[in-house]
Amino acid sequence: MSEKVTFATFDPMHFDAPRYCDLCASDPPVFRYEHCADESARRSPETGFCCSDCAVELLEDVQLAEAQDWQAEEELIKADG
């Protein structure tokens, strides 16, 4: 299964959001996120609140993982001829 990350905005009046990003602890959060790195994580994904810079980093991590999966798949196809 592929890695997955989802983002949602949140209403601070309805969520007990931290004052600072859960990931970098320096900027205020602007998104609520859910991150699943593999199939076992889908049952209990990593969740929290993040700033926009950390959201970009999470997306870049997913993009890199997906690119590596595609590269491995292409190598297998080339090897099979």
PDB file of N, CA and C in Angstrom:
ATOM      1  N   MET A   1       0.827  -1.178   0.000  1.00  0.00           N
ATOM      2  CA  MET A   1       0.000   0.000   0.000  1.00  0.00           C
ATOM      3  C   MET A   1       0.877   1.249   0.000  1.00  0.00           C
ATOM      4  N   SER A   2       0.431   2.279  -0.639  1.00  0.00           N
ATOM      5  CA  SER A   2       1.171   3.532  -0.715  1.00  0.00           C
ATOM      6  C   SER A   2       1.041   4.335   0.572  1.00  0.00           C
ATOM      7  N   GLU A   3       2.021   5.198   0.755  1.00  0.00           N
ATOM      8  CA  GLU A   3       1.983   6.124   1.866  1.00  0.00           C
ATOM      9  C   GLU A   3       0.866   7.134   1.605  1.00  0.00           C
ATOM     10  N   LYS A   4       0.271   7.661   2.666  1.00  0.00           N
ATOM     11  CA  LYS A   4      -0.866   8.569   2.510  1.00  0.00           C
ATOM     12  C   LYS A   4      -0.779   9.680   3.543  1.00  0.00           C
ATOM     13  N   VAL A   5      -1.116  10.897   3.120  1.00  0.00           N
ATOM     14  CA  VAL A   5      -1.215  12.014   4.051  1.00  0.00           C
ATOM     15  C   VAL A   5      -2.447  12.822   3.656  1.00  0.00           C
ATOM     16  N   THR A   6      -3.237  13.224   4.636  1.00  0.00           N
ATOM     17  CA  THR A   6      -4.399  14.068   4.374  1.00  0.00           C
ATOM     18  C   THR A   6      -4.349  15.271   5.297  1.00  0.00           C
ATOM     19  N   PHE A   7      -4.891  16.368   4.802  1.00  0.00           N
ATOM     20  CA  PHE A   7      -4.909  17.611   5.561  1.00  0.00           C
ATOM     21  C   PHE A   7      -6.322  18.164   5.594  1.00  0.00           C
ATOM     22  N   ALA A   8      -6.634  18.855   6.660  1.00  0.00           N
ATOM     23  CA  ALA A   8      -7.907  19.558   6.771  1.00  0.00           C
ATOM     24  C   ALA A   8      -7.670  20.822   7.592  1.00  0.00           C
ATOM     25  N   THR A   9      -8.416  21.847   7.254  1.00  0.00           N
ATOM     26  CA  THR A   9      -8.365  23.029   8.107  1.00  0.00           C
ATOM     27  C   THR A   9      -9.197  22.718   9.345  1.00  0.00           C
ATOM     28  N   PHE A  10      -9.106  23.545  10.335  1.00  0.00           N
ATOM     29  CA  PHE A  10      -9.863  23.288  11.559  1.00  0.00           C
ATOM     30  C   PHE A  10     -10.294  24.604  12.184  1.00  0.00           C
ATOM     31  N   ASP A  11     -11.342  24.539  12.939  1.00  0.00           N
ATOM     32  CA  ASP A  11     -11.849  25.695  13.671  1.00  0.00           C
ATOM     33  C   ASP A  11     -11.275  25.624  15.076  1.00  0.00           C
ATOM     34  N   PRO A  12     -10.383  26.560  15.436  1.00  0.00           N
ATOM     35  CA  PRO A  12      -9.753  26.489  16.759  1.00  0.00           C
ATOM     36  C   PRO A  12     -10.748  26.538  17.912  1.00  0.00           C
ATOM     37  N   MET A  13     -11.942  27.025  17.652  1.00  0.00           N
ATOM     38  CA  MET A  13     -12.960  27.081  18.707  1.00  0.00           C
ATOM     39  C   MET A  13     -13.542  25.698  18.997  1.00  0.00           C
ATOM     40  N   HIS A  14     -13.428  24.773  18.031  1.00  0.00           N
ATOM     41  CA  HIS A  14     -14.006  23.436  18.201  1.00  0.00           C
ATOM     42  C   HIS A  14     -12.980  22.334  18.391  1.00  0.00           C
ATOM     43  N   PHE A  15     -11.706  22.653  18.255  1.00  0.00           N
ATOM     44  CA  PHE A  15     -10.658  21.658  18.421  1.00  0.00           C
ATOM     45  C   PHE A  15      -9.677  22.131  19.484  1.00  0.00           C
ATOM     46  N   ASP A  16      -9.201  21.211  20.265  1.00  0.00           N
ATOM     47  CA  ASP A  16      -8.201  21.524  21.270  1.00  0.00           C
ATOM     48  C   ASP A  16      -6.823  21.442  20.604  1.00  0.00           C
ATOM     49  N   ALA A  17      -6.549  22.414  19.742  1.00  0.00           N
ATOM     50  CA  ALA A  17      -5.303  22.424  18.982  1.00  0.00           C
ATOM     51  C   ALA A  17      -4.174  23.003  19.833  1.00  0.00           C
ATOM     52  N   PRO A  18      -2.974  22.519  19.628  1.00  0.00           N
ATOM     53  CA  PRO A  18      -1.830  23.075  20.363  1.00  0.00           C
ATOM     54  C   PRO A  18      -1.511  24.488  19.887  1.00  0.00           C
ATOM     55  N   ARG A  19      -0.752  25.199  20.659  1.00  0.00           N
ATOM     56  CA  ARG A  19      -0.347  26.560  20.261  1.00  0.00           C
ATOM     57  C   ARG A  19       0.700  26.521  19.163  1.00  0.00           C
ATOM     58  N   TYR A  20       1.461  25.419  19.118  1.00  0.00           N
ATOM     59  CA  TYR A  20       2.531  25.302  18.141  1.00  0.00           C
ATOM     60  C   TYR A  20       2.398  23.991  17.379  1.00  0.00           C
ATOM     61  N   CYS A  21       2.981  23.967  16.199  1.00  0.00           N
ATOM     62  CA  CYS A  21       2.980  22.796  15.328  1.00  0.00           C
ATOM     63  C   CYS A  21       3.480  21.565  16.091  1.00  0.00           C
ATOM     64  N   ASP A  22       2.793  20.443  15.935  1.00  0.00           N
ATOM     65  CA  ASP A  22       3.207  19.198  16.583  1.00  0.00           C
ATOM     66  C   ASP A  22       4.538  18.676  16.050  1.00  0.00           C
ATOM     67  N   LEU A  23       4.912  19.073  14.832  1.00  0.00           N
ATOM     68  CA  LEU A  23       6.115  18.532  14.205  1.00  0.00           C
ATOM     69  C   LEU A  23       7.358  19.374  14.450  1.00  0.00           C
ATOM     70  N   CYS A  24       7.244  20.692  14.316  1.00  0.00           N
ATOM     71  CA  CYS A  24       8.434  21.535  14.484  1.00  0.00           C
ATOM     72  C   CYS A  24       8.416  22.330  15.797  1.00  0.00           C
ATOM     73  N   ALA A  25       7.273  22.429  16.415  1.00  0.00           N
ATOM     74  CA  ALA A  25       7.105  23.121  17.702  1.00  0.00           C
ATOM     75  C   ALA A  25       7.525  24.589  17.665  1.00  0.00           C
ATOM     76  N   SER A  26       7.472  25.202  16.471  1.00  0.00           N
ATOM     77  CA  SER A  26       7.860  26.609  16.425  1.00  0.00           C
ATOM     78  C   SER A  26       6.784  27.530  15.852  1.00  0.00           C
ATOM     79  N   ASP A  27       5.993  27.050  14.900  1.00  0.00           N
ATOM     80  CA  ASP A  27       4.964  27.882  14.276  1.00  0.00           C
ATOM     81  C   ASP A  27       3.571  27.421  14.700  1.00  0.00           C
ATOM     82  N   PRO A  28       2.596  28.325  14.671  1.00  0.00           N
ATOM     83  CA  PRO A  28       1.232  27.909  14.991  1.00  0.00           C
ATOM     84  C   PRO A  28       0.682  26.981  13.900  1.00  0.00           C
ATOM     85  N   PRO A  29      -0.136  26.021  14.268  1.00  0.00           N
ATOM     86  CA  PRO A  29      -0.683  25.093  13.267  1.00  0.00           C
ATOM     87  C   PRO A  29      -1.762  25.756  12.420  1.00  0.00           C
ATOM     88  N   VAL A  30      -1.845  25.333  11.172  1.00  0.00           N
ATOM     89  CA  VAL A  30      -2.902  25.791  10.276  1.00  0.00           C
ATOM     90  C   VAL A  30      -3.684  24.610   9.696  1.00  0.00           C
ATOM     91  N   PHE A  31      -3.160  23.400   9.853  1.00  0.00           N
ATOM     92  CA  PHE A  31      -3.816  22.195   9.344  1.00  0.00           C
ATOM     93  C   PHE A  31      -3.888  21.121  10.419  1.00  0.00           C
ATOM     94  N   ARG A  32      -4.896  20.302  10.299  1.00  0.00           N
ATOM     95  CA  ARG A  32      -4.966  19.043  11.035  1.00  0.00           C
ATOM     96  C   ARG A  32      -4.543  17.994  10.020  1.00  0.00           C
ATOM     97  N   TYR A  33      -3.674  17.064  10.389  1.00  0.00           N
ATOM     98  CA  TYR A  33      -3.187  16.082   9.424  1.00  0.00           C
ATOM     99  C   TYR A  33      -3.354  14.657   9.939  1.00  0.00           C
ATOM    100  N   GLU A  34      -3.347  13.734   8.984  1.00  0.00           N
ATOM    101  CA  GLU A  34      -3.341  12.291   9.257  1.00  0.00           C
ATOM    102  C   GLU A  34      -2.328  11.691   8.303  1.00  0.00           C
ATOM    103  N   HIS A  35      -1.357  10.947   8.842  1.00  0.00           N
ATOM    104  CA  HIS A  35      -0.275  10.393   8.034  1.00  0.00           C
ATOM    105  C   HIS A  35      -0.189   8.893   8.245  1.00  0.00           C
ATOM    106  N   CYS A  36      -0.257   8.151   7.142  1.00  0.00           N
ATOM    107  CA  CYS A  36      -0.138   6.690   7.171  1.00  0.00           C
ATOM    108  C   CYS A  36       1.070   6.304   6.328  1.00  0.00           C
ATOM    109  N   ALA A  37       2.060   5.743   6.962  1.00  0.00           N
ATOM    110  CA  ALA A  37       3.281   5.378   6.239  1.00  0.00           C
ATOM    111  C   ALA A  37       3.192   3.985   5.621  1.00  0.00           C
ATOM    112  N   ASP A  38       2.368   3.117   6.171  1.00  0.00           N
ATOM    113  CA  ASP A  38       2.236   1.769   5.626  1.00  0.00           C
ATOM    114  C   ASP A  38       0.894   1.184   6.047  1.00  0.00           C
ATOM    115  N   GLU A  39       0.637  -0.041   5.625  1.00  0.00           N
ATOM    116  CA  GLU A  39      -0.662  -0.679   5.890  1.00  0.00           C
ATOM    117  C   GLU A  39      -0.966  -0.794   7.384  1.00  0.00           C
ATOM    118  N   SER A  40       0.024  -1.123   8.207  1.00  0.00           N
ATOM    119  CA  SER A  40      -0.228  -1.265   9.645  1.00  0.00           C
ATOM    120  C   SER A  40      -0.578   0.080  10.278  1.00  0.00           C
ATOM    121  N   ALA A  41      -0.028   1.170   9.716  1.00  0.00           N
ATOM    122  CA  ALA A  41      -0.323   2.502  10.254  1.00  0.00           C
ATOM    123  C   ALA A  41      -1.732   2.955   9.904  1.00  0.00           C
ATOM    124  N   ARG A  42      -2.343   2.349   8.899  1.00  0.00           N
ATOM    125  CA  ARG A  42      -3.704   2.742   8.515  1.00  0.00           C
ATOM    126  C   ARG A  42      -4.705   2.451   9.622  1.00  0.00           C
ATOM    127  N   ARG A  43      -4.405   1.458  10.438  1.00  0.00           N
ATOM    128  CA  ARG A  43      -5.303   1.148  11.559  1.00  0.00           C
ATOM    129  C   ARG A  43      -5.198   2.173  12.669  1.00  0.00           C
ATOM    130  N   SER A  44      -4.028   2.763  12.832  1.00  0.00           N
ATOM    131  CA  SER A  44      -3.829   3.821  13.830  1.00  0.00           C
ATOM    132  C   SER A  44      -2.834   4.838  13.270  1.00  0.00           C
ATOM    133  N   PRO A  45      -3.312   5.703  12.356  1.00  0.00           N
ATOM    134  CA  PRO A  45      -2.405   6.649  11.702  1.00  0.00           C
ATOM    135  C   PRO A  45      -1.886   7.708  12.665  1.00  0.00           C
ATOM    136  N   GLU A  46      -0.765   8.294  12.292  1.00  0.00           N
ATOM    137  CA  GLU A  46      -0.212   9.426  13.038  1.00  0.00           C
ATOM    138  C   GLU A  46      -1.099  10.633  12.733  1.00  0.00           C
ATOM    139  N   THR A  47      -1.579  11.307  13.750  1.00  0.00           N
ATOM    140  CA  THR A  47      -2.427  12.472  13.557  1.00  0.00           C
ATOM    141  C   THR A  47      -1.897  13.631  14.389  1.00  0.00           C
ATOM    142  N   GLY A  48      -2.261  14.826  13.992  1.00  0.00           N
ATOM    143  CA  GLY A  48      -1.858  16.000  14.756  1.00  0.00           C
ATOM    144  C   GLY A  48      -2.174  17.274  14.019  1.00  0.00           C
ATOM    145  N   PHE A  49      -1.544  18.339  14.472  1.00  0.00           N
ATOM    146  CA  PHE A  49      -1.740  19.662  13.896  1.00  0.00           C
ATOM    147  C   PHE A  49      -0.388  20.168  13.420  1.00  0.00           C
ATOM    148  N   CYS A  50      -0.350  20.771  12.212  1.00  0.00           N
ATOM    149  CA  CYS A  50       0.939  21.213  11.683  1.00  0.00           C
ATOM    150  C   CYS A  50       0.842  22.576  11.019  1.00  0.00           C
ATOM    151  N   CYS A  51       1.990  23.209  10.914  1.00  0.00           N
ATOM    152  CA  CYS A  51       2.096  24.487  10.220  1.00  0.00           C
ATOM    153  C   CYS A  51       2.209  24.215   8.712  1.00  0.00           C
ATOM    154  N   SER A  52       2.153  25.266   7.915  1.00  0.00           N
ATOM    155  CA  SER A  52       2.200  25.087   6.466  1.00  0.00           C
ATOM    156  C   SER A  52       3.560  24.558   5.997  1.00  0.00           C
ATOM    157  N   ASP A  53       4.651  24.978   6.634  1.00  0.00           N
ATOM    158  CA  ASP A  53       5.967  24.467   6.246  1.00  0.00           C
ATOM    159  C   ASP A  53       6.078  22.961   6.479  1.00  0.00           C
ATOM    160  N   CYS A  54       5.576  22.490   7.600  1.00  0.00           N
ATOM    161  CA  CYS A  54       5.626  21.049   7.891  1.00  0.00           C
ATOM    162  C   CYS A  54       4.677  20.269   6.992  1.00  0.00           C
ATOM    163  N   ALA A  55       3.565  20.888   6.588  1.00  0.00           N
ATOM    164  CA  ALA A  55       2.654  20.237   5.641  1.00  0.00           C
ATOM    165  C   ALA A  55       3.376  19.985   4.324  1.00  0.00           C
ATOM    166  N   VAL A  56       4.139  20.969   3.866  1.00  0.00           N
ATOM    167  CA  VAL A  56       4.915  20.808   2.630  1.00  0.00           C
ATOM    168  C   VAL A  56       5.929  19.676   2.792  1.00  0.00           C
ATOM    169  N   GLU A  57       6.588  19.613   3.937  1.00  0.00           N
ATOM    170  CA  GLU A  57       7.565  18.540   4.175  1.00  0.00           C
ATOM    171  C   GLU A  57       6.901  17.165   4.170  1.00  0.00           C
ATOM    172  N   LEU A  58       5.733  17.047   4.789  1.00  0.00           N
ATOM    173  CA  LEU A  58       5.013  15.770   4.768  1.00  0.00           C
ATOM    174  C   LEU A  58       4.667  15.372   3.339  1.00  0.00           C
ATOM    175  N   LEU A  59       4.205  16.327   2.539  1.00  0.00           N
ATOM    176  CA  LEU A  59       3.884  16.024   1.141  1.00  0.00           C
ATOM    177  C   LEU A  59       5.132  15.632   0.356  1.00  0.00           C
ATOM    178  N   GLU A  60       6.237  16.299   0.612  1.00  0.00           N
ATOM    179  CA  GLU A  60       7.484  15.933  -0.069  1.00  0.00           C
ATOM    180  C   GLU A  60       7.927  14.522   0.311  1.00  0.00           C
ATOM    181  N   ASP A  61       7.730  14.134   1.571  1.00  0.00           N
ATOM    182  CA  ASP A  61       8.071  12.770   2.000  1.00  0.00           C
ATOM    183  C   ASP A  61       7.225  11.748   1.247  1.00  0.00           C
ATOM    184  N   VAL A  62       5.933  12.031   1.093  1.00  0.00           N
ATOM    185  CA  VAL A  62       5.042  11.117   0.373  1.00  0.00           C
ATOM    186  C   VAL A  62       5.445  11.051  -1.098  1.00  0.00           C
ATOM    187  N   GLN A  63       5.767  12.201  -1.688  1.00  0.00           N
ATOM    188  CA  GLN A  63       6.172  12.243  -3.091  1.00  0.00           C
ATOM    189  C   GLN A  63       7.437  11.424  -3.304  1.00  0.00           C
ATOM    190  N   LEU A  64       8.405  11.552  -2.408  1.00  0.00           N
ATOM    191  CA  LEU A  64       9.653  10.796  -2.522  1.00  0.00           C
ATOM    192  C   LEU A  64       9.395   9.294  -2.406  1.00  0.00           C
ATOM    193  N   ALA A  65       8.575   8.905  -1.454  1.00  0.00           N
ATOM    194  CA  ALA A  65       8.253   7.485  -1.290  1.00  0.00           C
ATOM    195  C   ALA A  65       7.557   6.940  -2.533  1.00  0.00           C
ATOM    196  N   GLU A  66       6.644   7.716  -3.108  1.00  0.00           N
ATOM    197  CA  GLU A  66       5.934   7.277  -4.310  1.00  0.00           C
ATOM    198  C   GLU A  66       6.884   7.170  -5.499  1.00  0.00           C
ATOM    199  N   ALA A  67       7.785   8.137  -5.629  1.00  0.00           N
ATOM    200  CA  ALA A  67       8.763   8.099  -6.723  1.00  0.00           C
ATOM    201  C   ALA A  67       9.665   6.877  -6.608  1.00  0.00           C
ATOM    202  N   GLN A  68      10.065   6.537  -5.397  1.00  0.00           N
ATOM    203  CA  GLN A  68      10.911   5.356  -5.195  1.00  0.00           C
ATOM    204  C   GLN A  68      10.156   4.078  -5.549  1.00  0.00           C
ATOM    205  N   ASP A  69       8.859   4.015  -5.191  1.00  0.00           N
ATOM    206  CA  ASP A  69       8.046   2.843  -5.556  1.00  0.00           C
ATOM    207  C   ASP A  69       7.939   2.706  -7.068  1.00  0.00           C
ATOM    208  N   TRP A  70       7.710   3.824  -7.765  1.00  0.00           N
ATOM    209  CA  TRP A  70       7.598   3.786  -9.217  1.00  0.00           C
ATOM    210  C   TRP A  70       8.928   3.384  -9.864  1.00  0.00           C
ATOM    211  N   GLN A  71      10.023   3.882  -9.317  1.00  0.00           N
ATOM    212  CA  GLN A  71      11.330   3.534  -9.863  1.00  0.00           C
ATOM    213  C   GLN A  71      11.589   2.035  -9.712  1.00  0.00           C
ATOM    214  N   ALA A  72      11.259   1.493  -8.565  1.00  0.00           N
ATOM    215  CA  ALA A  72      11.439   0.052  -8.347  1.00  0.00           C
ATOM    216  C   ALA A  72      10.564  -0.751  -9.305  1.00  0.00           C
ATOM    217  N   GLU A  73       9.343  -0.279  -9.523  1.00  0.00           N
ATOM    218  CA  GLU A  73       8.431  -0.961 -10.450  1.00  0.00           C
ATOM    219  C   GLU A  73       8.986  -0.916 -11.879  1.00  0.00           C
ATOM    220  N   GLU A  74       9.493   0.235 -12.296  1.00  0.00           N
ATOM    221  CA  GLU A  74      10.077   0.350 -13.632  1.00  0.00           C
ATOM    222  C   GLU A  74      11.277  -0.585 -13.803  1.00  0.00           C
ATOM    223  N   GLU A  75      12.090  -0.694 -12.781  1.00  0.00           N
ATOM    224  CA  GLU A  75      13.259  -1.583 -12.856  1.00  0.00           C
ATOM    225  C   GLU A  75      12.827  -3.035 -12.995  1.00  0.00           C
ATOM    226  N   LEU A  76      11.772  -3.426 -12.291  1.00  0.00           N
ATOM    227  CA  LEU A  76      11.262  -4.788 -12.416  1.00  0.00           C
ATOM    228  C   LEU A  76      10.725  -5.056 -13.822  1.00  0.00           C
ATOM    229  N   ILE A  77      10.026  -4.088 -14.385  1.00  0.00           N
ATOM    230  CA  ILE A  77       9.469  -4.251 -15.727  1.00  0.00           C
ATOM    231  C   ILE A  77      10.601  -4.366 -16.751  1.00  0.00           C
ATOM    232  N   LYS A  78      11.628  -3.532 -16.611  1.00  0.00           N
ATOM    233  CA  LYS A  78      12.765  -3.603 -17.538  1.00  0.00           C
ATOM    234  C   LYS A  78      13.489  -4.935 -17.398  1.00  0.00           C
ATOM    235  N   ALA A  79      13.614  -5.434 -16.186  1.00  0.00           N
ATOM    236  CA  ALA A  79      14.303  -6.709 -15.971  1.00  0.00           C
ATOM    237  C   ALA A  79      13.523  -7.868 -16.573  1.00  0.00           C
ATOM    238  N   ASP A  80      12.187  -7.773 -16.560  1.00  0.00           N
ATOM    239  CA  ASP A  80      11.344  -8.825 -17.135  1.00  0.00           C
ATOM    240  C   ASP A  80      11.332  -8.748 -18.664  1.00  0.00           C
ATOM    241  N   GLY A  81      11.760  -7.614 -19.213  1.00  0.00           N
ATOM    242  CA  GLY A  81      11.877  -7.463 -20.657  1.00  0.00           C
ATOM    243  C   GLY A  81      10.559  -7.182 -21.284  1.00  0.00           C
TER     244      GLY A  81
END
